[in-house]
């Protein structure tokens, strides 16, 4: 079975409406990953990624 992206998004919108979920900028911000619970290991990994991308001229 092939599902198009528009069909998938329509289904998501229907389920959200049925559950009473209303997307607002405040709700979206609350659901974003703030990174406040990252481990030291993950922070170090992200710092290495940032450094390597700067060295490569990607940033």
N, C-alpha and C. Protein backbone atom coordinates (compact mmCIF):
# COMPACT_ATOMS: atom_id res chain seq x y z
N UNK A 1 0.83 -1.17 0.00
CA UNK A 1 0.00 0.00 0.00
C UNK A 1 0.89 1.25 0.00
N UNK A 2 0.62 2.15 -0.88
CA UNK A 2 1.37 3.40 -0.98
C UNK A 2 0.53 4.53 -0.38
N UNK A 3 1.13 5.25 0.54
CA UNK A 3 0.47 6.39 1.16
C UNK A 3 1.23 7.64 0.76
N UNK A 4 0.52 8.60 0.22
CA UNK A 4 1.17 9.85 -0.16
C UNK A 4 1.39 10.71 1.08
N UNK A 5 2.29 11.65 0.96
CA UNK A 5 2.56 12.54 2.08
C UNK A 5 1.32 13.34 2.45
N UNK A 6 0.59 13.79 1.44
CA UNK A 6 -0.62 14.58 1.74
C UNK A 6 -1.66 13.73 2.47
N UNK A 7 -1.79 12.45 2.11
CA UNK A 7 -2.71 11.56 2.82
C UNK A 7 -2.26 11.34 4.27
N UNK A 8 -0.97 11.17 4.45
CA UNK A 8 -0.42 10.98 5.79
C UNK A 8 -0.69 12.20 6.66
N UNK A 9 -0.41 13.39 6.11
CA UNK A 9 -0.63 14.62 6.87
C UNK A 9 -2.10 14.84 7.17
N UNK A 10 -2.97 14.49 6.23
CA UNK A 10 -4.41 14.62 6.46
C UNK A 10 -4.85 13.72 7.62
N UNK A 11 -4.32 12.50 7.65
CA UNK A 11 -4.64 11.59 8.74
C UNK A 11 -4.16 12.11 10.09
N UNK A 12 -2.97 12.70 10.09
CA UNK A 12 -2.43 13.27 11.33
C UNK A 12 -3.31 14.42 11.80
N UNK A 13 -3.72 15.29 10.87
CA UNK A 13 -4.60 16.41 11.24
C UNK A 13 -5.92 15.90 11.81
N UNK A 14 -6.47 14.85 11.21
CA UNK A 14 -7.74 14.28 11.70
C UNK A 14 -7.58 13.73 13.12
N UNK A 15 -6.48 13.00 13.36
CA UNK A 15 -6.26 12.43 14.69
C UNK A 15 -6.05 13.52 15.74
N UNK A 16 -5.31 14.57 15.35
CA UNK A 16 -5.11 15.68 16.28
C UNK A 16 -6.44 16.34 16.63
N UNK A 17 -7.27 16.54 15.62
CA UNK A 17 -8.58 17.16 15.86
C UNK A 17 -9.43 16.28 16.77
N UNK A 18 -9.40 14.97 16.55
CA UNK A 18 -10.18 14.04 17.37
C UNK A 18 -9.70 14.05 18.82
N UNK A 19 -8.40 14.27 19.02
CA UNK A 19 -7.83 14.30 20.37
C UNK A 19 -7.89 15.68 21.00
N UNK A 20 -8.32 16.67 20.23
CA UNK A 20 -8.41 18.03 20.76
C UNK A 20 -7.07 18.74 20.84
N UNK A 21 -6.12 18.29 20.04
CA UNK A 21 -4.79 18.92 20.04
C UNK A 21 -4.81 20.09 19.07
N UNK A 22 -4.49 21.26 19.58
CA UNK A 22 -4.45 22.46 18.75
C UNK A 22 -3.00 22.95 18.71
N UNK A 23 -2.44 23.04 17.52
CA UNK A 23 -1.07 23.51 17.38
C UNK A 23 -1.01 25.02 17.51
N UNK A 24 -0.22 25.47 18.46
CA UNK A 24 0.03 26.90 18.63
C UNK A 24 1.54 27.08 18.73
N UNK A 25 2.05 28.27 18.48
CA UNK A 25 3.49 28.48 18.63
C UNK A 25 3.99 28.13 20.03
N UNK A 26 3.20 28.43 21.05
CA UNK A 26 3.61 28.13 22.42
C UNK A 26 3.72 26.62 22.64
N UNK A 27 2.75 25.88 22.11
CA UNK A 27 2.77 24.42 22.25
C UNK A 27 3.96 23.83 21.50
N UNK A 28 4.22 24.34 20.31
CA UNK A 28 5.35 23.86 19.53
C UNK A 28 6.66 24.12 20.27
N UNK A 29 6.83 25.31 20.84
CA UNK A 29 8.04 25.62 21.59
C UNK A 29 8.19 24.70 22.80
N UNK A 30 7.10 24.39 23.46
CA UNK A 30 7.14 23.52 24.64
C UNK A 30 7.56 22.10 24.27
N UNK A 31 7.25 21.67 23.06
CA UNK A 31 7.57 20.31 22.63
C UNK A 31 8.98 20.18 22.07
N UNK A 32 9.63 21.30 21.78
CA UNK A 32 10.98 21.25 21.21
C UNK A 32 11.98 20.74 22.24
N UNK A 33 13.03 20.13 21.73
CA UNK A 33 14.09 19.63 22.60
C UNK A 33 15.00 20.79 22.97
N UNK A 34 14.99 21.18 24.22
CA UNK A 34 15.81 22.31 24.67
C UNK A 34 17.26 21.91 24.90
N UNK A 35 17.51 20.62 25.03
CA UNK A 35 18.86 20.15 25.29
C UNK A 35 19.26 20.21 26.75
N UNK A 36 18.35 20.61 27.61
CA UNK A 36 18.68 20.77 29.02
C UNK A 36 18.96 19.44 29.73
N UNK A 37 18.51 18.34 29.16
CA UNK A 37 18.73 17.04 29.81
C UNK A 37 19.82 16.23 29.12
N UNK A 38 20.62 16.88 28.28
CA UNK A 38 21.69 16.16 27.59
C UNK A 38 22.78 15.74 28.56
N UNK A 39 23.34 14.58 28.28
CA UNK A 39 24.45 14.11 29.10
C UNK A 39 25.73 14.83 28.69
N UNK A 40 26.72 14.77 29.56
CA UNK A 40 28.02 15.37 29.24
C UNK A 40 28.61 14.72 27.99
N UNK A 41 28.40 13.44 27.84
CA UNK A 41 28.91 12.72 26.67
C UNK A 41 28.28 13.24 25.38
N UNK A 42 26.98 13.47 25.42
CA UNK A 42 26.28 13.98 24.24
C UNK A 42 26.73 15.41 23.94
N UNK A 43 26.90 16.23 24.96
CA UNK A 43 27.37 17.60 24.76
C UNK A 43 28.76 17.62 24.12
N UNK A 44 29.63 16.72 24.58
CA UNK A 44 30.98 16.64 24.02
C UNK A 44 30.93 16.20 22.56
N UNK A 45 30.06 15.25 22.25
CA UNK A 45 29.92 14.79 20.87
C UNK A 45 29.45 15.93 19.98
N UNK A 46 28.46 16.68 20.43
CA UNK A 46 27.94 17.80 19.63
C UNK A 46 29.01 18.88 19.45
N UNK A 47 29.83 19.09 20.47
CA UNK A 47 30.92 20.07 20.36
C UNK A 47 31.93 19.62 19.31
N UNK A 48 32.25 18.32 19.29
CA UNK A 48 33.18 17.80 18.28
C UNK A 48 32.60 17.95 16.88
N UNK A 49 31.31 17.68 16.74
CA UNK A 49 30.65 17.83 15.44
C UNK A 49 30.73 19.28 14.99
N UNK A 50 30.44 20.20 15.89
CA UNK A 50 30.49 21.63 15.57
C UNK A 50 31.90 22.04 15.15
N UNK A 51 32.90 21.59 15.90
CA UNK A 51 34.29 21.92 15.59
C UNK A 51 34.70 21.37 14.22
N UNK A 52 34.34 20.13 13.95
CA UNK A 52 34.70 19.52 12.67
C UNK A 52 34.01 20.22 11.51
N UNK A 53 32.77 20.63 11.70
CA UNK A 53 32.07 21.31 10.61
C UNK A 53 32.67 22.70 10.38
N UNK A 54 33.10 23.37 11.45
CA UNK A 54 33.78 24.67 11.28
C UNK A 54 35.10 24.48 10.55
N UNK A 55 35.86 23.45 10.93
CA UNK A 55 37.15 23.18 10.28
C UNK A 55 36.97 22.87 8.80
N UNK A 56 35.85 22.24 8.47
CA UNK A 56 35.58 21.89 7.07
C UNK A 56 34.97 23.05 6.30
N UNK A 57 34.66 24.14 7.00
CA UNK A 57 34.08 25.30 6.33
C UNK A 57 32.60 25.18 6.08
N UNK A 58 31.95 24.27 6.79
CA UNK A 58 30.51 24.06 6.58
C UNK A 58 29.67 25.04 7.38
N UNK A 59 30.25 25.66 8.37
CA UNK A 59 29.48 26.60 9.21
C UNK A 59 30.02 28.00 9.05
